[in-house]
Amino acid sequence: MELRVQDGRAVLAGRDDAGEREVDPRTLPLGAGLADALHEWAKVADAVTRSDAPSDGVASALVTRRGRQLAGRLAAEMGTPVEYTDPVTGELVVVDVPPAESGEPGGTGEAGETGEPGDVVEDADGEPVPQEETPWGTGLTVSFIVAAVVTFTVYTLSVGLGETSQWLALLANALVVGGITPSVWLARKVPVWRWVAYGVVAGVLAAWLSLLLTTLL
């Protein structure tokens, strides 16, 4: 089975007696919102590719990592290896079916998908293993620092350009937000990086609110 990205959509291709066939993942019995996740990834991957983002940049790395994770989930769901060409690097990747225990809660499945804090699951030997708790303290600290930096940067940039032209300041904000949106959208579910994404969103909103209040006053 091959996973493809076509015009911002995820497509699954396979061969049978009639030749090659392409199907929409939503037509297959995939669980846990996997089909929607595949289309979401394909849409962001297409946006990153069209923006000519560097292959070693943060957005490209997140697209690549997310693609491997989803291909692994797809292989586990379908019980067959999944082949796909990375939409950013062009690298051909073959993902084998993971061991049975990796699809169970607490196994080696997709990173960042854990249960509620304090839940207990079993490892491969049947021993209880407590789930790792969400690092709220450290995470929120990172988000606060990132938000402060982003707020100061966006506000300063907007005020400086606004002295020349309000339209220029508006255009700069649109370009900045449009450029970071794919990265933030992908990072929102990635451990560690999600706290940075929260901070970026909070910082942009805080800067815009400050600019609005400054204009009104």
Protein backbone atom coordinates (compact mmCIF):
# COMPACT_ATOMS: atom_id res chain seq x y z
CA MET A 1 0.00 0.00 0.00
CA GLU A 2 1.24 3.48 -0.85
CA LEU A 3 0.37 6.74 0.91
CA ARG A 4 0.35 9.77 -1.38
CA VAL A 5 -0.26 13.50 -1.10
CA GLN A 6 -2.24 14.90 -4.03
CA ASP A 7 -3.45 18.51 -4.12
CA GLY A 8 -3.53 18.76 -0.34
CA ARG A 9 -5.36 15.43 0.13
CA ALA A 10 -4.18 12.07 1.40
CA VAL A 11 -4.66 9.22 -1.05
CA LEU A 12 -4.05 5.49 -0.56
CA ALA A 13 -2.99 3.50 -3.62
CA GLY A 14 -2.82 -0.25 -4.08
CA ARG A 15 -2.85 -2.87 -6.80
CA ASP A 16 -5.30 -5.64 -7.50
CA ASP A 17 -6.26 -7.77 -10.50
CA ALA A 18 -7.76 -4.71 -12.22
CA GLY A 19 -4.57 -2.67 -11.83
CA GLU A 20 -3.74 0.26 -9.58
CA ARG A 21 -6.51 1.81 -7.54
CA GLU A 22 -6.60 5.00 -5.47
CA VAL A 23 -9.00 5.47 -2.57
CA ASP A 24 -9.81 8.14 -0.05
CA PRO A 25 -8.77 7.06 3.50
CA ARG A 26 -12.25 8.06 4.71
CA THR A 27 -13.74 5.18 2.70
CA LEU A 28 -11.75 2.65 4.74
CA PRO A 29 -12.58 1.44 8.28
CA LEU A 30 -9.78 3.35 9.99
CA GLY A 31 -10.24 4.12 13.67
CA ALA A 32 -9.35 6.94 16.08
CA GLY A 33 -9.77 9.71 13.49
CA LEU A 34 -6.83 8.41 11.44
CA ALA A 35 -8.40 9.36 8.10
CA ASP A 36 -8.97 12.95 9.21
CA ALA A 37 -5.42 13.10 10.60
CA LEU A 38 -4.04 11.92 7.24
CA HIS A 39 -5.93 14.61 5.32
CA GLU A 40 -4.88 17.26 7.84
CA TRP A 41 -1.23 16.22 7.46
CA ALA A 42 -1.52 16.21 3.66
CA LYS A 43 -3.01 19.71 3.67
CA VAL A 44 -0.21 21.13 5.82
CA ALA A 45 2.45 19.23 3.84
CA ASP A 46 1.10 20.73 0.62
CA ALA A 47 1.17 24.23 2.15
CA VAL A 48 4.76 23.80 3.36
CA THR A 49 5.86 22.48 -0.04
CA ARG A 50 4.22 25.37 -1.89
CA SER A 51 5.86 27.91 0.43
CA ASP A 52 9.33 26.67 -0.61
CA ALA A 53 10.28 26.14 3.04
CA PRO A 54 13.84 24.79 3.52
CA SER A 55 13.97 21.00 3.79
CA ASP A 56 15.93 21.30 7.05
CA GLY A 57 13.56 23.87 8.58
CA VAL A 58 11.23 23.34 11.53
CA ALA A 59 8.06 23.11 9.43
CA SER A 60 9.59 20.55 7.08
CA ALA A 61 10.91 18.47 9.98
CA LEU A 62 7.48 18.43 11.61
CA VAL A 63 5.82 17.37 8.35
CA THR A 64 8.32 14.54 7.94
CA ARG A 65 7.95 13.36 11.52
CA ARG A 66 4.16 13.50 11.43
CA GLY A 67 4.12 11.60 8.15
CA ARG A 68 6.18 8.76 9.62
CA GLN A 69 3.92 8.60 12.67
CA LEU A 70 0.76 8.43 10.58
CA ALA A 71 2.28 5.87 8.23
CA GLY A 72 3.08 3.71 11.26
CA ARG A 73 -0.49 4.00 12.53
CA LEU A 74 -1.82 3.20 9.06
CA ALA A 75 0.43 0.13 8.79
CA ALA A 76 -0.81 -1.08 12.18
CA GLU A 77 -4.48 -0.51 11.21
CA MET A 78 -4.21 -2.20 7.81
CA GLY A 79 -1.78 -4.93 8.88
CA THR A 80 0.49 -4.32 5.89
CA PRO A 81 3.64 -2.24 5.24
CA VAL A 82 3.00 1.29 4.01
CA GLU A 83 5.19 2.98 1.41
CA TYR A 84 5.20 6.71 0.83
CA THR A 85 7.37 9.44 -0.63
CA ASP A 86 8.05 12.20 1.85
CA PRO A 87 6.38 15.29 0.34
CA VAL A 88 9.15 17.58 1.62
CA THR A 89 12.39 15.65 1.09
CA GLY A 90 11.26 13.33 -1.72
CA GLU A 91 12.67 10.38 0.24
CA LEU A 92 10.97 7.02 -0.32
CA VAL A 93 10.01 5.55 3.06
CA VAL A 94 8.69 2.08 3.81
CA VAL A 95 7.07 1.66 7.22
CA ASP A 96 6.64 -1.91 8.42
CA VAL A 97 3.81 -3.17 10.58
CA PRO A 98 4.76 -2.39 14.21
CA PRO A 99 4.78 -5.13 16.87
CA ALA A 100 1.39 -5.91 18.36
CA GLU A 101 2.17 -4.27 21.68
CA SER A 102 2.99 -0.92 20.07
CA GLY A 103 -0.65 -0.37 19.21
CA GLU A 104 -1.73 -0.76 22.81
CA PRO A 105 -1.96 2.14 25.26
CA GLY A 106 1.40 2.92 26.76
CA GLY A 107 3.27 1.07 23.98
CA THR A 108 5.57 2.59 21.39
CA GLY A 109 2.80 4.13 19.33
CA GLU A 110 2.58 7.77 18.33
CA ALA A 111 4.49 10.11 20.57
CA GLY A 112 2.52 12.41 22.77
CA GLU A 113 -0.65 10.32 22.86
CA THR A 114 -0.84 9.28 26.48
CA GLY A 115 -3.75 8.70 28.80
CA GLU A 116 -4.88 10.79 31.70
CA PRO A 117 -2.31 11.49 34.45
CA GLY A 118 -2.26 8.69 36.97
CA ASP A 119 -3.73 6.08 34.58
CA VAL A 120 -2.07 2.69 34.81
CA VAL A 121 -1.40 0.50 31.80
CA GLU A 122 0.45 -2.76 31.32
CA ASP A 123 3.77 -3.25 29.56
CA ALA A 124 4.75 -6.19 27.36
CA ASP A 125 5.30 -8.38 30.45
CA GLY A 126 1.95 -7.50 31.97
CA GLU A 127 3.46 -5.31 34.67
CA PRO A 128 1.60 -2.10 35.56
CA VAL A 129 3.30 1.04 34.28
CA PRO A 130 2.04 4.48 35.37
CA GLN A 131 1.49 7.04 32.63
CA GLU A 132 3.81 10.04 32.57
CA GLU A 133 2.07 13.17 33.79
CA THR A 134 1.87 16.28 31.64
CA PRO A 135 4.66 18.73 32.64
CA TRP A 136 2.36 21.70 33.16
CA GLY A 137 4.86 23.76 35.14
CA THR A 138 7.74 23.52 32.68
CA GLY A 139 5.45 23.64 29.67
CA LEU A 140 3.59 26.75 30.74
CA THR A 141 6.90 28.44 31.59
CA VAL A 142 8.13 27.78 28.06
CA SER A 143 4.83 29.05 26.64
CA PHE A 144 5.03 32.23 28.74
CA ILE A 145 8.60 33.00 27.64
CA VAL A 146 7.79 32.36 23.97
CA ALA A 147 4.63 34.45 24.23
CA ALA A 148 6.56 37.37 25.74
CA VAL A 149 9.18 37.27 22.97
CA VAL A 150 6.59 36.99 20.20
CA THR A 151 4.44 39.77 21.68
CA PHE A 152 7.40 42.16 21.89
CA THR A 153 8.61 41.28 18.38
CA VAL A 154 5.24 41.57 16.63
CA TYR A 155 4.28 44.74 18.52
CA THR A 156 7.61 46.46 17.86
CA LEU A 157 7.58 45.46 14.19
CA SER A 158 4.00 46.67 13.73
CA VAL A 159 4.56 50.01 15.46
CA GLY A 160 7.75 50.66 13.50
CA LEU A 161 6.14 49.89 10.15
CA GLY A 162 2.95 51.68 11.15
CA GLU A 163 4.85 54.97 11.37
CA THR A 164 5.56 54.58 7.67
CA SER A 165 2.30 53.02 6.50
CA GLN A 166 -0.58 51.29 8.25
CA TRP A 167 -1.07 49.09 5.21
CA LEU A 168 2.57 48.03 5.33
CA ALA A 169 2.20 47.05 8.98
CA LEU A 170 -0.94 45.06 8.17
CA LEU A 171 0.79 43.29 5.29
CA ALA A 172 3.79 42.44 7.48
CA ASN A 173 1.52 40.90 10.12
CA ALA A 174 -0.29 38.85 7.48
CA LEU A 175 3.00 37.55 6.07
CA VAL A 176 4.40 36.68 9.49
CA VAL A 177 1.28 34.86 10.64
CA GLY A 178 0.84 33.10 7.30
CA GLY A 179 4.45 31.93 7.39
CA ILE A 180 4.34 30.40 10.87
CA THR A 181 0.82 28.95 10.71
CA PRO A 182 1.79 25.55 9.15
CA SER A 183 4.54 25.01 11.74
CA VAL A 184 2.31 25.99 14.65
CA TRP A 185 -0.55 23.83 13.38
CA LEU A 186 1.65 20.74 13.21
CA ALA A 187 3.50 21.45 16.46
CA ARG A 188 0.31 21.69 18.51
CA LYS A 189 0.28 17.89 19.05
CA VAL A 190 4.01 17.26 19.26
CA PRO A 191 5.51 16.85 22.76
CA VAL A 192 7.69 19.81 23.83
CA TRP A 193 7.00 21.74 20.62
CA ARG A 194 3.31 22.09 21.51
CA TRP A 195 4.23 24.44 24.37
CA VAL A 196 6.15 26.61 21.91
CA ALA A 197 3.12 26.58 19.60
CA TYR A 198 0.83 27.69 22.45
CA GLY A 199 3.23 30.51 23.26
CA VAL A 200 3.38 31.70 19.66
CA VAL A 201 -0.41 31.82 19.37
CA ALA A 202 -0.76 33.62 22.71
CA GLY A 203 2.00 36.08 21.79
CA VAL A 204 0.47 37.00 18.43
CA LEU A 205 -2.96 37.50 19.99
CA ALA A 206 -1.51 39.58 22.82
CA ALA A 207 0.41 41.76 20.35
CA TRP A 208 -2.69 42.35 18.24
CA LEU A 209 -4.73 43.21 21.33
CA SER A 210 -2.06 45.68 22.44
CA LEU A 211 -2.02 47.27 18.99
CA LEU A 212 -5.80 47.55 19.00
CA LEU A 213 -5.83 49.21 22.42
CA THR A 214 -3.04 51.56 21.37
CA THR A 215 -5.02 52.57 18.27
CA LEU A 216 -8.20 53.17 20.26
CA LEU A 217 -6.41 55.21 22.90
